[in-house]
C-alpha atoms as a PDB file:
ATOM      1  CA  MET A   1       0.995  16.322  27.533  1.00  0.00           C
ATOM      2  CA  THR A   2      -2.328  16.936  25.881  1.00  0.00           C
ATOM      3  CA  THR A   3      -2.968  18.500  22.595  1.00  0.00           C
ATOM      4  CA  ASP A   4      -3.932  21.941  24.756  1.00  0.00           C
ATOM      5  CA  SER A   5      -0.940  21.798  26.574  1.00  0.00           C
ATOM      6  CA  PRO A   6       2.334  20.608  24.571  1.00  0.00           C
ATOM      7  CA  SER A   7       5.491  20.252  27.113  1.00  0.00           C
ATOM      8  CA  PRO A   8       8.320  20.831  24.652  1.00  0.00           C
ATOM      9  CA  HIS A   9      12.187  21.149  26.332  1.00  0.00           C
ATOM     10  CA  PHE A  10      13.648  24.610  26.054  1.00  0.00           C
ATOM     11  CA  ASP A  11      17.039  23.922  28.282  1.00  0.00           C
ATOM     12  CA  GLY A  12      18.703  23.163  25.282  1.00  0.00           C
ATOM     13  CA  SER A  13      19.000  19.290  25.611  1.00  0.00           C
ATOM     14  CA  PRO A  14      19.021  16.687  22.656  1.00  0.00           C
ATOM     15  CA  VAL A  15      15.312  16.308  21.418  1.00  0.00           C
ATOM     16  CA  PRO A  16      13.962  12.464  23.304  1.00  0.00           C
ATOM     17  CA  PHE A  17      13.211   9.928  21.355  1.00  0.00           C
ATOM     18  CA  LEU A  18      10.952   7.113  22.441  1.00  0.00           C
ATOM     19  CA  ASP A  19      11.266   3.581  20.976  1.00  0.00           C
ATOM     20  CA  GLU A  20       8.698   1.015  20.132  1.00  0.00           C
ATOM     21  CA  SER A  21       9.568  -0.748  23.675  1.00  0.00           C
ATOM     22  CA  ALA A  22       8.679   2.887  25.058  1.00  0.00           C
ATOM     23  CA  VAL A  23       6.134   3.515  23.527  1.00  0.00           C
ATOM     24  CA  ARG A  24       4.387  -0.279  24.197  1.00  0.00           C
ATOM     25  CA  ARG A  25       4.809   0.323  28.247  1.00  0.00           C
ATOM     26  CA  VAL A  26       2.232   2.972  28.488  1.00  0.00           C
ATOM     27  CA  LEU A  27      -0.056   3.122  25.457  1.00  0.00           C
ATOM     28  CA  ARG A  28      -3.261   1.200  26.222  1.00  0.00           C
ATOM     29  CA  TYR A  29      -6.577   0.514  23.965  1.00  0.00           C
ATOM     30  CA  GLU A  30      -8.612   1.836  26.731  1.00  0.00           C
ATOM     31  CA  ASP A  31      -7.065   5.415  26.751  1.00  0.00           C
ATOM     32  CA  LEU A  32      -6.398   5.368  22.998  1.00  0.00           C
ATOM     33  CA  ILE A  33     -10.163   4.726  22.186  1.00  0.00           C
ATOM     34  CA  GLY A  34     -11.008   7.793  23.593  1.00  0.00           C
ATOM     35  CA  ALA A  35      -8.107   9.864  22.213  1.00  0.00           C
ATOM     36  CA  MET A  36      -9.063   8.544  18.634  1.00  0.00           C
ATOM     37  CA  GLU A  37     -12.630   9.433  19.263  1.00  0.00           C
ATOM     38  CA  ARG A  38     -11.902  13.183  20.027  1.00  0.00           C
ATOM     39  CA  ALA A  39      -9.680  13.518  17.184  1.00  0.00           C
ATOM     40  CA  LEU A  40     -12.464  12.403  14.980  1.00  0.00           C
ATOM     41  CA  ILE A  41     -14.826  15.002  16.278  1.00  0.00           C
ATOM     42  CA  ASP A  42     -12.342  17.363  16.099  1.00  0.00           C
ATOM     43  CA  PHE A  43     -11.076  16.602  12.782  1.00  0.00           C
ATOM     44  CA  SER A  44     -14.903  16.708  11.168  1.00  0.00           C
ATOM     45  CA  ALA A  45     -15.434  20.044  12.833  1.00  0.00           C
ATOM     46  CA  GLY A  46     -12.587  21.608  11.143  1.00  0.00           C
ATOM     47  CA  LYS A  47     -10.418  21.616  13.951  1.00  0.00           C
ATOM     48  CA  VAL A  48      -7.419  19.999  12.249  1.00  0.00           C
ATOM     49  CA  LEU A  49      -5.159  21.390   9.854  1.00  0.00           C
ATOM     50  CA  GLN A  50      -4.213  18.461   7.576  1.00  0.00           C
ATOM     51  CA  PRO A  51      -3.842  17.778   3.919  1.00  0.00           C
ATOM     52  CA  VAL A  52      -4.246  14.284   2.251  1.00  0.00           C
ATOM     53  CA  ARG A  53      -1.179  12.569   2.614  1.00  0.00           C
ATOM     54  CA  SER A  54       1.537  12.333   0.071  1.00  0.00           C
ATOM     55  CA  ILE A  55       2.910   9.429  -1.299  1.00  0.00           C
ATOM     56  CA  LEU A  56       6.110   8.520  -2.771  1.00  0.00           C
ATOM     57  CA  PRO A  57       7.097   5.628  -4.613  1.00  0.00           C
ATOM     58  CA  ALA A  58      10.505   4.179  -4.145  1.00  0.00           C
ATOM     59  CA  GLU A  59      10.227   1.963  -7.179  1.00  0.00           C
ATOM     60  CA  ALA A  60      13.530   0.364  -7.187  1.00  0.00           C
ATOM     61  CA  HIS A  61      13.309  -1.237  -4.002  1.00  0.00           C
ATOM     62  CA  HIS A  62       9.462  -2.003  -4.141  1.00  0.00           C
ATOM     63  CA  GLY A  63       7.979   0.178  -1.341  1.00  0.00           C
ATOM     64  CA  PHE A  64       6.347   3.739  -0.769  1.00  0.00           C
ATOM     65  CA  PHE A  65       6.915   6.505   1.245  1.00  0.00           C
ATOM     66  CA  GLY A  66       4.364   8.399   3.010  1.00  0.00           C
ATOM     67  CA  ILE A  67       4.344  12.200   4.497  1.00  0.00           C
ATOM     68  CA  MET A  68       1.347  12.886   7.149  1.00  0.00           C
ATOM     69  CA  PRO A  69       1.641  16.032   8.702  1.00  0.00           C
ATOM     70  CA  ALA A  70      -0.976  18.166  10.536  1.00  0.00           C
ATOM     71  CA  VAL A  71      -1.382  20.558  12.887  1.00  0.00           C
ATOM     72  CA  TYR A  72      -3.945  19.878  15.792  1.00  0.00           C
ATOM     73  CA  HIS A  73      -4.544  22.473  18.704  1.00  0.00           C
ATOM     74  CA  ASN A  74      -1.264  23.447  20.154  1.00  0.00           C
ATOM     75  CA  ILE A  75       1.152  20.806  18.758  1.00  0.00           C
ATOM     76  CA  MET A  76       1.852  20.177  15.232  1.00  0.00           C
ATOM     77  CA  GLY A  77       3.985  17.419  13.440  1.00  0.00           C
ATOM     78  CA  ALA A  78       4.504  14.660  10.689  1.00  0.00           C
ATOM     79  CA  LYS A  79       4.461  10.893  10.520  1.00  0.00           C
ATOM     80  CA  LEU A  80       6.813   9.540   8.282  1.00  0.00           C
ATOM     81  CA  VAL A  81       5.832   6.023   7.114  1.00  0.00           C
ATOM     82  CA  THR A  82       7.260   3.265   4.910  1.00  0.00           C
ATOM     83  CA  VAL A  83       5.578   0.425   3.558  1.00  0.00           C
ATOM     84  CA  PHE A  84       8.201  -2.133   2.057  1.00  0.00           C
ATOM     85  CA  PRO A  85       6.177  -5.618   1.152  1.00  0.00           C
ATOM     86  CA  LYS A  86       8.759  -7.509   0.833  1.00  0.00           C
ATOM     87  CA  ASN A  87       9.668  -7.130   4.233  1.00  0.00           C
ATOM     88  CA  ALA A  88       7.025  -9.849   5.025  1.00  0.00           C
ATOM     89  CA  GLY A  89       8.696 -12.899   6.145  1.00  0.00           C
ATOM     90  CA  THR A  90      11.989 -11.064   7.394  1.00  0.00           C
ATOM     91  CA  LEU A  91      13.128  -9.651  10.791  1.00  0.00           C
ATOM     92  CA  LEU A  92      11.743  -6.358   9.170  1.00  0.00           C
ATOM     93  CA  PRO A  93       8.048  -4.988   9.163  1.00  0.00           C
ATOM     94  CA  THR A  94       6.491  -4.103   6.252  1.00  0.00           C
ATOM     95  CA  HIS A  95       5.196  -0.911   8.171  1.00  0.00           C
ATOM     96  CA  GLN A  96       7.711   1.473   9.493  1.00  0.00           C
ATOM     97  CA  ALA A  97       7.091   5.092  10.907  1.00  0.00           C
ATOM     98  CA  ILE A  98       8.569   7.626  13.029  1.00  0.00           C
ATOM     99  CA  ILE A  99       6.554  10.698  14.153  1.00  0.00           C
ATOM    100  CA  VAL A 100       7.587  14.064  15.193  1.00  0.00           C
ATOM    101  CA  VAL A 101       5.912  16.101  17.497  1.00  0.00           C
ATOM    102  CA  LEU A 102       6.342  19.889  17.673  1.00  0.00           C
ATOM    103  CA  ASN A 103       4.924  22.866  19.313  1.00  0.00           C
ATOM    104  CA  ALA A 104       2.252  24.436  17.106  1.00  0.00           C
ATOM    105  CA  THR A 105       2.851  27.838  19.375  1.00  0.00           C
ATOM    106  CA  ASN A 106       6.438  28.646  18.801  1.00  0.00           C
ATOM    107  CA  GLY A 107       7.563  25.655  16.312  1.00  0.00           C
ATOM    108  CA  GLN A 108       9.985  23.899  18.514  1.00  0.00           C
ATOM    109  CA  PRO A 109      10.953  20.139  18.388  1.00  0.00           C
ATOM    110  CA  VAL A 110       9.409  18.167  21.310  1.00  0.00           C
ATOM    111  CA  ALA A 111      10.176  14.802  20.596  1.00  0.00           C
ATOM    112  CA  VAL A 112      10.076  12.068  18.289  1.00  0.00           C
ATOM    113  CA  LEU A 113       8.683   8.771  18.419  1.00  0.00           C
ATOM    114  CA  ASP A 114       9.042   5.295  16.745  1.00  0.00           C
ATOM    115  CA  GLY A 115       5.537   5.170  14.751  1.00  0.00           C
ATOM    116  CA  ARG A 116       5.088   1.395  13.731  1.00  0.00           C
ATOM    117  CA  LEU A 117       3.383   0.418  17.386  1.00  0.00           C
ATOM    118  CA  ILE A 118       1.467   3.745  17.321  1.00  0.00           C
ATOM    119  CA  THR A 119       0.399   2.664  13.795  1.00  0.00           C
ATOM    120  CA  GLU A 120      -0.827  -0.458  14.381  1.00  0.00           C
ATOM    121  CA  MET A 121      -2.609   0.133  17.546  1.00  0.00           C
ATOM    122  CA  ARG A 122      -4.388   4.117  16.473  1.00  0.00           C
ATOM    123  CA  THR A 123      -5.449   2.445  13.338  1.00  0.00           C
ATOM    124  CA  ALA A 124      -7.649  -0.679  15.242  1.00  0.00           C
ATOM    125  CA  ALA A 125      -8.649   2.027  17.906  1.00  0.00           C
ATOM    126  CA  VAL A 126     -10.343   4.103  14.984  1.00  0.00           C
ATOM    127  CA  THR A 127     -12.016   0.643  13.852  1.00  0.00           C
ATOM    128  CA  ALA A 128     -12.977  -0.048  17.789  1.00  0.00           C
ATOM    129  CA  VAL A 129     -14.806   3.887  17.673  1.00  0.00           C
ATOM    130  CA  ALA A 130     -16.567   2.544  14.749  1.00  0.00           C
ATOM    131  CA  THR A 131     -17.604  -0.790  16.201  1.00  0.00           C
ATOM    132  CA  LYS A 132     -18.580   1.102  19.168  1.00  0.00           C
ATOM    133  CA  TYR A 133     -20.912   3.475  17.524  1.00  0.00           C
ATOM    134  CA  LEU A 134     -21.930   1.623  14.339  1.00  0.00           C
ATOM    135  CA  SER A 135     -22.451  -1.612  14.992  1.00  0.00           C
ATOM    136  CA  THR A 136     -25.408  -3.371  16.718  1.00  0.00           C
ATOM    137  CA  THR A 137     -25.141  -3.273  20.922  1.00  0.00           C
ATOM    138  CA  ASP A 138     -26.046  -7.071  20.445  1.00  0.00           C
ATOM    139  CA  ALA A 139     -23.239  -7.667  18.148  1.00  0.00           C
ATOM    140  CA  ARG A 140     -21.644 -10.958  19.441  1.00  0.00           C
ATOM    141  CA  LYS A 141     -20.039 -12.609  16.306  1.00  0.00           C
ATOM    142  CA  LEU A 142     -16.792 -11.268  14.656  1.00  0.00           C
ATOM    143  CA  ALA A 143     -15.196 -12.262  11.241  1.00  0.00           C
ATOM    144  CA  ILE A 144     -11.722 -11.093  10.694  1.00  0.00           C
ATOM    145  CA  LEU A 145     -10.310 -11.157   7.016  1.00  0.00           C
ATOM    146  CA  GLY A 146      -6.556 -10.729   7.442  1.00  0.00           C
ATOM    147  CA  SER A 147      -4.199 -12.723   9.539  1.00  0.00           C
ATOM    148  CA  GLY A 148      -1.071 -10.471  10.007  1.00  0.00           C
ATOM    149  CA  VAL A 149      -0.275  -7.784  12.493  1.00  0.00           C
ATOM    150  CA  GLN A 150      -3.366  -5.416  12.324  1.00  0.00           C
ATOM    151  CA  ALA A 151      -5.621  -8.852  12.323  1.00  0.00           C
ATOM    152  CA  LYS A 152      -4.399  -9.539  15.830  1.00  0.00           C
ATOM    153  CA  ALA A 153      -4.528  -5.768  17.043  1.00  0.00           C
ATOM    154  CA  HIS A 154      -8.190  -5.411  15.479  1.00  0.00           C
ATOM    155  CA  TYR A 155      -9.334  -8.417  17.852  1.00  0.00           C
ATOM    156  CA  ALA A 156      -7.321  -6.818  20.560  1.00  0.00           C
ATOM    157  CA  ALA A 157      -9.042  -3.471  20.095  1.00  0.00           C
ATOM    158  CA  LEU A 158     -12.621  -4.610  19.657  1.00  0.00           C
ATOM    159  CA  GLN A 159     -12.716  -6.795  22.719  1.00  0.00           C
ATOM    160  CA  THR A 160     -13.027  -3.124  24.668  1.00  0.00           C
ATOM    161  CA  VAL A 161     -15.915  -2.723  23.218  1.00  0.00           C
ATOM    162  CA  ARG A 162     -17.936  -5.659  22.363  1.00  0.00           C
ATOM    163  CA  HIS A 163     -18.056  -8.798  23.726  1.00  0.00           C
ATOM    164  CA  PHE A 164     -17.640 -11.341  20.989  1.00  0.00           C
ATOM    165  CA  ASP A 165     -18.990 -15.252  21.945  1.00  0.00           C
ATOM    166  CA  GLU A 166     -17.583 -16.082  18.535  1.00  0.00           C
ATOM    167  CA  VAL A 167     -14.967 -15.281  16.122  1.00  0.00           C
ATOM    168  CA  SER A 168     -14.159 -16.302  12.937  1.00  0.00           C
ATOM    169  CA  VAL A 169     -10.496 -16.139  10.808  1.00  0.00           C
ATOM    170  CA  TRP A 170      -9.944 -16.700   7.129  1.00  0.00           C
ATOM    171  CA  SER A 171      -6.442 -15.569   5.367  1.00  0.00           C
ATOM    172  CA  ARG A 172      -5.345 -16.433   2.007  1.00  0.00           C
ATOM    173  CA  ASN A 173      -2.746 -18.159   3.289  1.00  0.00           C
ATOM    174  CA  SER A 174      -4.781 -21.499   5.588  1.00  0.00           C
ATOM    175  CA  SER A 175      -1.322 -21.758   7.909  1.00  0.00           C
ATOM    176  CA  HIS A 176      -1.494 -18.245   8.965  1.00  0.00           C
ATOM    177  CA  ALA A 177      -5.207 -18.187   9.635  1.00  0.00           C
ATOM    178  CA  GLN A 178      -4.863 -20.918  11.674  1.00  0.00           C
ATOM    179  CA  LYS A 179      -2.279 -19.900  13.876  1.00  0.00           C
ATOM    180  CA  LEU A 180      -3.963 -16.209  14.267  1.00  0.00           C
ATOM    181  CA  ALA A 181      -6.937 -18.748  15.317  1.00  0.00           C
ATOM    182  CA  ALA A 182      -5.233 -20.665  17.690  1.00  0.00           C
ATOM    183  CA  GLU A 183      -3.643 -17.261  19.377  1.00  0.00           C
ATOM    184  CA  ILE A 184      -7.072 -15.453  20.073  1.00  0.00           C
ATOM    185  CA  GLY A 185      -9.295 -18.565  20.647  1.00  0.00           C
ATOM    186  CA  ALA A 186     -10.969 -18.496  16.772  1.00  0.00           C
ATOM    187  CA  THR A 187     -11.929 -20.442  14.208  1.00  0.00           C
ATOM    188  CA  ALA A 188     -10.075 -20.523  11.199  1.00  0.00           C
ATOM    189  CA  THR A 189     -12.669 -21.203   8.332  1.00  0.00           C
ATOM    190  CA  SER A 190     -13.659 -20.038   4.766  1.00  0.00           C
ATOM    191  CA  ALA A 191     -14.187 -15.974   4.086  1.00  0.00           C
ATOM    192  CA  GLU A 192     -18.000 -16.806   2.891  1.00  0.00           C
ATOM    193  CA  GLY A 193     -18.400 -19.007   6.059  1.00  0.00           C
ATOM    194  CA  ALA A 194     -16.714 -16.295   8.457  1.00  0.00           C
ATOM    195  CA  VAL A 195     -18.877 -13.302   7.121  1.00  0.00           C
ATOM    196  CA  ARG A 196     -22.541 -15.169   6.633  1.00  0.00           C
ATOM    197  CA  LYS A 197     -22.697 -14.976  10.468  1.00  0.00           C
ATOM    198  CA  ALA A 198     -21.106 -12.182  11.520  1.00  0.00           C
ATOM    199  CA  ASP A 199     -22.345  -9.145  13.084  1.00  0.00           C
ATOM    200  CA  VAL A 200     -19.003  -7.178  12.899  1.00  0.00           C
ATOM    201  CA  VAL A 201     -16.678  -7.783   9.997  1.00  0.00           C
ATOM    202  CA  VAL A 202     -13.271  -6.599   9.565  1.00  0.00           C
ATOM    203  CA  THR A 203     -10.971  -6.627   6.492  1.00  0.00           C
ATOM    204  CA  VAL A 204      -7.202  -6.380   6.920  1.00  0.00           C
ATOM    205  CA  THR A 205      -5.681  -7.438   4.082  1.00  0.00           C
ATOM    206  CA  SER A 206      -2.953  -6.780   1.436  1.00  0.00           C
ATOM    207  CA  ALA A 207      -5.650  -7.899  -1.397  1.00  0.00           C
ATOM    208  CA  GLU A 208      -5.890  -5.895  -4.523  1.00  0.00           C
ATOM    209  CA  GLU A 209      -8.941  -7.588  -5.815  1.00  0.00           C
ATOM    210  CA  PRO A 210     -11.975  -7.987  -3.860  1.00  0.00           C
ATOM    211  CA  ILE A 211     -11.992 -10.921  -1.445  1.00  0.00           C
ATOM    212  CA  LEU A 212     -15.366 -10.243   0.135  1.00  0.00           C
ATOM    213  CA  ARG A 213     -19.101 -10.348  -1.592  1.00  0.00           C
ATOM    214  CA  GLY A 214     -21.859  -8.152  -0.630  1.00  0.00           C
ATOM    215  CA  GLU A 215     -24.148 -11.093  -0.972  1.00  0.00           C
ATOM    216  CA  TRP A 216     -22.592 -12.691   1.990  1.00  0.00           C
ATOM    217  CA  LEU A 217     -23.526  -9.858   4.492  1.00  0.00           C
ATOM    218  CA  LYS A 218     -26.519 -10.160   6.462  1.00  0.00           C
ATOM    219  CA  LYS A 219     -28.458  -6.984   7.440  1.00  0.00           C
ATOM    220  CA  GLY A 220     -27.242  -4.699  10.315  1.00  0.00           C
ATOM    221  CA  THR A 221     -23.748  -5.815   9.379  1.00  0.00           C
ATOM    222  CA  LEU A 222     -21.099  -3.795   9.959  1.00  0.00           C
ATOM    223  CA  LEU A 223     -18.082  -3.795   7.597  1.00  0.00           C
ATOM    224  CA  ASN A 224     -14.921  -2.456   8.704  1.00  0.00           C
ATOM    225  CA  ALA A 225     -12.701  -1.901   5.233  1.00  0.00           C
ATOM    226  CA  VAL A 226      -9.078  -1.384   6.453  1.00  0.00           C
ATOM    227  CA  GLY A 227      -6.494  -2.839   4.267  1.00  0.00           C
ATOM    228  CA  ALA A 228      -7.013  -1.525   0.782  1.00  0.00           C
ATOM    229  CA  VAL A 229      -5.754   2.058   0.453  1.00  0.00           C
ATOM    230  CA  GLY A 230      -5.291   3.261  -2.767  1.00  0.00           C
ATOM    231  CA  LEU A 231      -7.604   4.039  -6.087  1.00  0.00           C
ATOM    232  CA  THR A 232      -6.589   0.808  -7.823  1.00  0.00           C
ATOM    233  CA  ARG A 233      -6.652  -1.484  -4.779  1.00  0.00           C
ATOM    234  CA  ARG A 234      -9.933  -2.844  -3.350  1.00  0.00           C
ATOM    235  CA  GLU A 235     -11.348  -5.841  -0.523  1.00  0.00           C
ATOM    236  CA  LEU A 236     -14.796  -5.239  -1.332  1.00  0.00           C
ATOM    237  CA  ASP A 237     -17.020  -6.119  -4.411  1.00  0.00           C
ATOM    238  CA  THR A 238     -19.567  -3.585  -5.576  1.00  0.00           C
ATOM    239  CA  ALA A 239     -22.044  -5.206  -3.878  1.00  0.00           C
ATOM    240  CA  ALA A 240     -20.471  -4.869  -0.737  1.00  0.00           C
ATOM    241  CA  MET A 241     -20.155  -1.175  -1.123  1.00  0.00           C
ATOM    242  CA  GLN A 242     -23.821  -0.724  -1.409  1.00  0.00           C
ATOM    243  CA  GLY A 243     -24.564  -0.046   2.027  1.00  0.00           C
ATOM    244  CA  ALA A 244     -24.316   3.089   3.716  1.00  0.00           C
ATOM    245  CA  VAL A 245     -20.587   4.453   3.559  1.00  0.00           C
ATOM    246  CA  VAL A 246     -19.003   5.828   6.540  1.00  0.00           C
ATOM    247  CA  VAL A 247     -15.230   7.520   6.015  1.00  0.00           C
ATOM    248  CA  ASP A 248     -12.722   9.134   8.447  1.00  0.00           C
ATOM    249  CA  SER A 249     -12.010  11.664   5.840  1.00  0.00           C
ATOM    250  CA  ARG A 250     -14.109  12.539   2.852  1.00  0.00           C
ATOM    251  CA  GLN A 251     -11.054  14.436   1.214  1.00  0.00           C
ATOM    252  CA  ALA A 252      -8.920  11.179   1.745  1.00  0.00           C
ATOM    253  CA  ALA A 253     -11.849   8.772   0.774  1.00  0.00           C
ATOM    254  CA  ALA A 254     -12.015  10.630  -2.820  1.00  0.00           C
ATOM    255  CA  ALA A 255      -8.090  10.494  -3.428  1.00  0.00           C
ATOM    256  CA  GLU A 256      -7.318   7.078  -1.871  1.00  0.00           C
ATOM    257  CA  SER A 257     -10.095   4.853  -1.264  1.00  0.00           C
ATOM    258  CA  GLY A 258     -10.513   2.262  -4.642  1.00  0.00           C
ATOM    259  CA  ASP A 259     -13.257   0.353  -2.714  1.00  0.00           C
ATOM    260  CA  ILE A 260     -15.446   3.663  -3.017  1.00  0.00           C
ATOM    261  CA  ALA A 261     -13.947   4.337  -6.836  1.00  0.00           C
ATOM    262  CA  PHE A 262     -14.946   1.298  -8.403  1.00  0.00           C
ATOM    263  CA  ALA A 263     -18.437   1.019  -6.743  1.00  0.00           C
ATOM    264  CA  GLY A 264     -19.200   4.585  -7.675  1.00  0.00           C
ATOM    265  CA  VAL A 265     -20.830   4.909  -4.404  1.00  0.00           C
ATOM    266  CA  LYS A 266     -21.784   8.319  -2.403  1.00  0.00           C
ATOM    267  CA  VAL A 267     -20.231   9.065   0.854  1.00  0.00           C
ATOM    268  CA  TYR A 268     -22.722   8.828   3.995  1.00  0.00           C
ATOM    269  CA  GLY A 269     -20.374  10.729   6.201  1.00  0.00           C
ATOM    270  CA  GLU A 270     -17.630  10.883   8.261  1.00  0.00           C
ATOM    271  CA  LEU A 271     -17.497   9.125  11.470  1.00  0.00           C
ATOM    272  CA  GLY A 272     -16.468  12.360  13.484  1.00  0.00           C
ATOM    273  CA  GLU A 273     -20.008  14.021  12.316  1.00  0.00           C
ATOM    274  CA  ILE A 274     -21.726  10.943  13.312  1.00  0.00           C
ATOM    275  CA  LEU A 275     -19.984  10.732  17.136  1.00  0.00           C
ATOM    276  CA  ALA A 276     -20.840  14.629  17.435  1.00  0.00           C
ATOM    277  CA  GLY A 277     -24.337  14.053  16.760  1.00  0.00           C
ATOM    278  CA  LYS A 278     -24.177  16.019  13.346  1.00  0.00           C
ATOM    279  CA  LEU A 279     -25.458  13.086  11.547  1.00  0.00           C
ATOM    280  CA  ALA A 280     -27.788  10.304  12.701  1.00  0.00           C
ATOM    281  CA  THR A 281     -26.248   6.723  12.730  1.00  0.00           C
ATOM    282  CA  PRO A 282     -27.310   4.889   9.776  1.00  0.00           C
ATOM    283  CA  SER A 283     -29.970   2.163  10.391  1.00  0.00           C
ATOM    284  CA  ALA A 284     -30.943   0.351   7.079  1.00  0.00           C
ATOM    285  CA  GLY A 285     -29.260  -2.379   5.434  1.00  0.00           C
ATOM    286  CA  HIS A 286     -25.485  -2.845   6.347  1.00  0.00           C
ATOM    287  CA  VAL A 287     -22.677  -0.124   6.909  1.00  0.00           C
ATOM    288  CA  VAL A 288     -19.527   0.338   5.603  1.00  0.00           C
ATOM    289  CA  PHE A 289     -17.027   1.983   7.441  1.00  0.00           C
ATOM    290  CA  LYS A 290     -13.764   2.781   5.168  1.00  0.00           C
ATOM    291  CA  SER A 291     -10.595   3.665   7.190  1.00  0.00           C
ATOM    292  CA  LEU A 292      -7.643   4.872   5.680  1.00  0.00           C
ATOM    293  CA  GLY A 293      -5.762   6.334   8.686  1.00  0.00           C
ATOM    294  CA  LEU A 294      -5.370  10.414   9.292  1.00  0.00           C
ATOM    295  CA  ALA A 295      -2.142  11.938  10.798  1.00  0.00           C
ATOM    296  CA  VAL A 296      -3.932  13.801  13.591  1.00  0.00           C
ATOM    297  CA  GLU A 297      -4.418   9.902  14.654  1.00  0.00           C
ATOM    298  CA  ASP A 298      -1.290   9.348  15.116  1.00  0.00           C
ATOM    299  CA  LEU A 299      -0.606  12.860  16.686  1.00  0.00           C
ATOM    300  CA  ALA A 300      -3.135  12.401  18.949  1.00  0.00           C
ATOM    301  CA  ALA A 301      -1.763   8.756  20.153  1.00  0.00           C
ATOM    302  CA  ALA A 302       1.555  10.327  20.096  1.00  0.00           C
ATOM    303  CA  SER A 303       0.621  13.082  22.614  1.00  0.00           C
ATOM    304  CA  LEU A 304      -0.933  10.115  24.579  1.00  0.00           C
ATOM    305  CA  VAL A 305       2.265   8.491  25.008  1.00  0.00           C
ATOM    306  CA  LEU A 306       4.104  11.747  25.831  1.00  0.00           C
ATOM    307  CA  GLU A 307       1.731  12.933  28.186  1.00  0.00           C
ATOM    308  CA  SER A 308       2.183   9.331  30.001  1.00  0.00           C
ATOM    309  CA  TYR A 309       5.801   9.813  30.360  1.00  0.00           C
ATOM    310  CA  ALA A 310       5.325  13.932  31.587  1.00  0.00           C
ATOM    311  CA  SER A 311       2.743  12.619  34.520  1.00  0.00           C
END
């Protein structure tokens, strides 16, 4: 199945459900990164109908419920995502989701997919796209601030676009940092030590206050800010936000980025505009890519999975 040619079932059979194991069997970063490039270009070109996600708090249970709909070429659908931080350390992941895909030409359901792994991988794949186009071609040192699911996913995704000779990891939980470093062949160190020598930085934490200071960044560094979503949360201090700020969506950034709001900085442009050649790649100072996650990314990833099973 592609976004131009969905393959719905019209025979009255049950709508298929693809669980996480089915997604894992076929979804690969080598394919997903290209799909994210196309989705971001189409989004910035106005070819995607998509509002900013709606967030409903489940206050009694300290969780959040997000609704992310989109219409993209001949498919439409929505991701229903939950975030329950207190699941950390239990058998349940903190982020869970399902993605519903429908035929945009007639509204018929196509499939329902487990969205946890898709969310994990498409988030890292978008950062890989940013790293491919916004970092220097000789970038060899990577710093990862964070040690959870996204930290490991980002390491895997970024290896497909750059060869890193040195990888440093920091986490507020030092034992978690050491564990991840051992798994991926990295070095666990301080946040400052990791960032000062890095060509590419990824922040994938659950921090509410800055964990990275701008004075640590060297000229030419690409800073991928992924972890903080919401106007009250940020991972980067004001100095770190003084570089050229690139976003996945201007509208989402205005509504959901505390990193941008607290610093009061202007957005240089959307990543899709740079990919399409409508904006030049920033070259002065350092670059901040603020990733918030878009529904079109989920639909494009789900489409890849469905296409693999249809072929």
